[in-house]
Amino acid sequence: MSEKVFIDGLSAKKPHPNAPDFVLSKVSINVAKLKAYLGAQTGEWVNGDLKVSQDGKHYIELDTWKPDGNRQQGQANGSPPNTDPPSDDDFEDSSIPF
């Protein structure tokens, strides 16, 4: 298993105990650190996965997936991450109260 890589300046925590059920995580951004991190990136997108550790802590891990040149895209280590920006269709969930 490869070493976890994190996005500097971006963190996630469990939501407040009184938060509504539709709040999945609390995300914090250190603007200066995240600007520096993003400024050092060469690609157009930086993808991350919001995860929960075995002890229940939330965290955001850098998605380091890269297609394998010997396989067709979408078959190397599962499906490729979605690198398209979210659209309004991605948020159609009738359980959201607004």
C-alpha atoms as a PDB file:
ATOM      1  CA  MET A   1       0.000   0.000   0.000  1.00  0.00           C
ATOM      2  CA  SER A   2       1.386   3.393  -0.939  1.00  0.00           C
ATOM      3  CA  GLU A   3       2.047   6.174   1.522  1.00  0.00           C
ATOM      4  CA  LYS A   4      -0.795   8.653   2.055  1.00  0.00           C
ATOM      5  CA  VAL A   5      -0.265  12.105   0.555  1.00  0.00           C
ATOM      6  CA  PHE A   6      -2.206  15.055   1.921  1.00  0.00           C
ATOM      7  CA  ILE A   7      -3.128  18.425   0.426  1.00  0.00           C
ATOM      8  CA  ASP A   8      -1.280  21.008   2.503  1.00  0.00           C
ATOM      9  CA  GLY A   9      -3.639  23.646   3.874  1.00  0.00           C
ATOM     10  CA  LEU A  10      -6.794  21.533   3.545  1.00  0.00           C
ATOM     11  CA  SER A  11      -8.247  19.468   6.385  1.00  0.00           C
ATOM     12  CA  ALA A  12     -11.489  17.769   7.331  1.00  0.00           C
ATOM     13  CA  LYS A  13     -13.081  17.040  10.688  1.00  0.00           C
ATOM     14  CA  LYS A  14     -16.207  15.305  11.918  1.00  0.00           C
ATOM     15  CA  PRO A  15     -19.203  17.611  11.847  1.00  0.00           C
ATOM     16  CA  HIS A  16     -20.424  19.169  15.088  1.00  0.00           C
ATOM     17  CA  PRO A  17     -22.620  16.703  17.033  1.00  0.00           C
ATOM     18  CA  ASN A  18     -25.623  19.027  16.600  1.00  0.00           C
ATOM     19  CA  ALA A  19     -25.101  19.431  12.845  1.00  0.00           C
ATOM     20  CA  PRO A  20     -27.906  18.169  10.580  1.00  0.00           C
ATOM     21  CA  ASP A  21     -27.508  14.715   9.024  1.00  0.00           C
ATOM     22  CA  PHE A  22     -26.744  16.170   5.592  1.00  0.00           C
ATOM     23  CA  VAL A  23     -23.510  17.749   6.899  1.00  0.00           C
ATOM     24  CA  LEU A  24     -20.934  15.025   6.239  1.00  0.00           C
ATOM     25  CA  SER A  25     -17.738  16.765   7.266  1.00  0.00           C
ATOM     26  CA  LYS A  26     -16.329  20.114   8.351  1.00  0.00           C
ATOM     27  CA  VAL A  27     -13.629  21.313   5.949  1.00  0.00           C
ATOM     28  CA  SER A  28     -11.005  23.879   6.973  1.00  0.00           C
ATOM     29  CA  ILE A  29      -8.716  25.791   4.626  1.00  0.00           C
ATOM     30  CA  ASN A  30      -5.488  27.511   5.615  1.00  0.00           C
ATOM     31  CA  VAL A  31      -5.428  30.032   2.785  1.00  0.00           C
ATOM     32  CA  ALA A  32      -1.679  30.743   2.806  1.00  0.00           C
ATOM     33  CA  LYS A  33      -0.704  27.049   2.929  1.00  0.00           C
ATOM     34  CA  LEU A  34      -3.224  26.012   0.286  1.00  0.00           C
ATOM     35  CA  LYS A  35      -2.163  28.842  -2.049  1.00  0.00           C
ATOM     36  CA  ALA A  36       1.468  27.770  -1.721  1.00  0.00           C
ATOM     37  CA  TYR A  37       0.568  24.107  -2.277  1.00  0.00           C
ATOM     38  CA  LEU A  38      -1.561  24.842  -5.345  1.00  0.00           C
ATOM     39  CA  GLY A  39       1.072  27.201  -6.734  1.00  0.00           C
ATOM     40  CA  ALA A  40       3.543  24.315  -6.744  1.00  0.00           C
ATOM     41  CA  GLN A  41       1.218  22.021  -8.728  1.00  0.00           C
ATOM     42  CA  THR A  42       1.710  21.613 -12.466  1.00  0.00           C
ATOM     43  CA  GLY A  43      -1.674  20.242 -13.511  1.00  0.00           C
ATOM     44  CA  GLU A  44      -4.990  21.961 -14.008  1.00  0.00           C
ATOM     45  CA  TRP A  45      -6.749  19.890 -11.313  1.00  0.00           C
ATOM     46  CA  VAL A  46      -5.901  18.600  -7.854  1.00  0.00           C
ATOM     47  CA  ASN A  47      -8.218  15.786  -6.774  1.00  0.00           C
ATOM     48  CA  GLY A  48      -8.732  14.549  -3.257  1.00  0.00           C
ATOM     49  CA  ASP A  49     -10.766  11.916  -1.471  1.00  0.00           C
ATOM     50  CA  LEU A  50     -12.612  12.665   1.759  1.00  0.00           C
ATOM     51  CA  LYS A  51     -12.044   9.605   3.935  1.00  0.00           C
ATOM     52  CA  VAL A  52     -12.653   8.352   7.457  1.00  0.00           C
ATOM     53  CA  SER A  53      -9.787   6.662   9.309  1.00  0.00           C
ATOM     54  CA  GLN A  54     -10.184   3.439  11.288  1.00  0.00           C
ATOM     55  CA  ASP A  55     -10.464   5.498  14.477  1.00  0.00           C
ATOM     56  CA  GLY A  56     -13.252   7.623  12.948  1.00  0.00           C
ATOM     57  CA  LYS A  57     -11.291  10.788  12.106  1.00  0.00           C
ATOM     58  CA  HIS A  58     -12.064  12.555   8.838  1.00  0.00           C
ATOM     59  CA  TYR A  59      -9.255  13.499   6.464  1.00  0.00           C
ATOM     60  CA  ILE A  60      -8.658  14.480   2.850  1.00  0.00           C
ATOM     61  CA  GLU A  61      -6.083  12.464   0.918  1.00  0.00           C
ATOM     62  CA  LEU A  62      -4.578  13.545  -2.398  1.00  0.00           C
ATOM     63  CA  ASP A  63      -5.826  11.336  -5.219  1.00  0.00           C
ATOM     64  CA  THR A  64      -2.587  10.225  -6.902  1.00  0.00           C
ATOM     65  CA  TRP A  65      -4.242   7.901  -9.435  1.00  0.00           C
ATOM     66  CA  LYS A  66      -2.604   7.913 -12.845  1.00  0.00           C
ATOM     67  CA  PRO A  67      -3.653   5.810 -15.828  1.00  0.00           C
ATOM     68  CA  ASP A  68      -1.512   2.785 -16.600  1.00  0.00           C
ATOM     69  CA  GLY A  69      -0.088   3.138 -20.113  1.00  0.00           C
ATOM     70  CA  ASN A  70      -0.543  -0.603 -20.731  1.00  0.00           C
ATOM     71  CA  ARG A  71      -4.287  -0.614 -20.050  1.00  0.00           C
ATOM     72  CA  GLN A  72      -7.214   1.311 -21.368  1.00  0.00           C
ATOM     73  CA  GLN A  73      -8.230   4.282 -19.273  1.00  0.00           C
ATOM     74  CA  GLY A  74     -10.879   3.244 -16.759  1.00  0.00           C
ATOM     75  CA  GLN A  75      -9.464  -0.229 -16.221  1.00  0.00           C
ATOM     76  CA  ALA A  76      -6.233   0.578 -14.356  1.00  0.00           C
ATOM     77  CA  ASN A  77      -6.782   0.130 -10.624  1.00  0.00           C
ATOM     78  CA  GLY A  78     -10.517   0.613 -11.000  1.00  0.00           C
ATOM     79  CA  SER A  79     -12.215   3.581 -12.557  1.00  0.00           C
ATOM     80  CA  PRO A  80     -10.400   6.875 -13.011  1.00  0.00           C
ATOM     81  CA  PRO A  81     -11.384   9.773 -10.802  1.00  0.00           C
ATOM     82  CA  ASN A  82     -13.877  12.293 -12.106  1.00  0.00           C
ATOM     83  CA  THR A  83     -11.822  15.330 -13.074  1.00  0.00           C
ATOM     84  CA  ASP A  84     -14.712  17.338 -14.476  1.00  0.00           C
ATOM     85  CA  PRO A  85     -15.999  20.250 -12.434  1.00  0.00           C
ATOM     86  CA  PRO A  86     -19.276  19.471 -10.645  1.00  0.00           C
ATOM     87  CA  SER A  87     -22.487  20.450 -12.422  1.00  0.00           C
ATOM     88  CA  ASP A  88     -25.931  21.141 -11.017  1.00  0.00           C
ATOM     89  CA  ASP A  89     -26.903  17.574 -11.981  1.00  0.00           C
ATOM     90  CA  ASP A  90     -24.327  16.231  -9.507  1.00  0.00           C
ATOM     91  CA  PHE A  91     -26.332  17.733  -6.657  1.00  0.00           C
ATOM     92  CA  GLU A  92     -29.803  16.411  -7.380  1.00  0.00           C
ATOM     93  CA  ASP A  93     -30.672  14.916  -4.014  1.00  0.00           C
ATOM     94  CA  SER A  94     -34.217  15.254  -2.742  1.00  0.00           C
ATOM     95  CA  SER A  95     -33.016  14.907   0.862  1.00  0.00           C
ATOM     96  CA  ILE A  96     -31.316  18.327   0.723  1.00  0.00           C
ATOM     97  CA  PRO A  97     -33.695  20.794   2.379  1.00  0.00           C
ATOM     98  CA  PHE A  98     -33.098  23.729   0.014  1.00  0.00           C
END
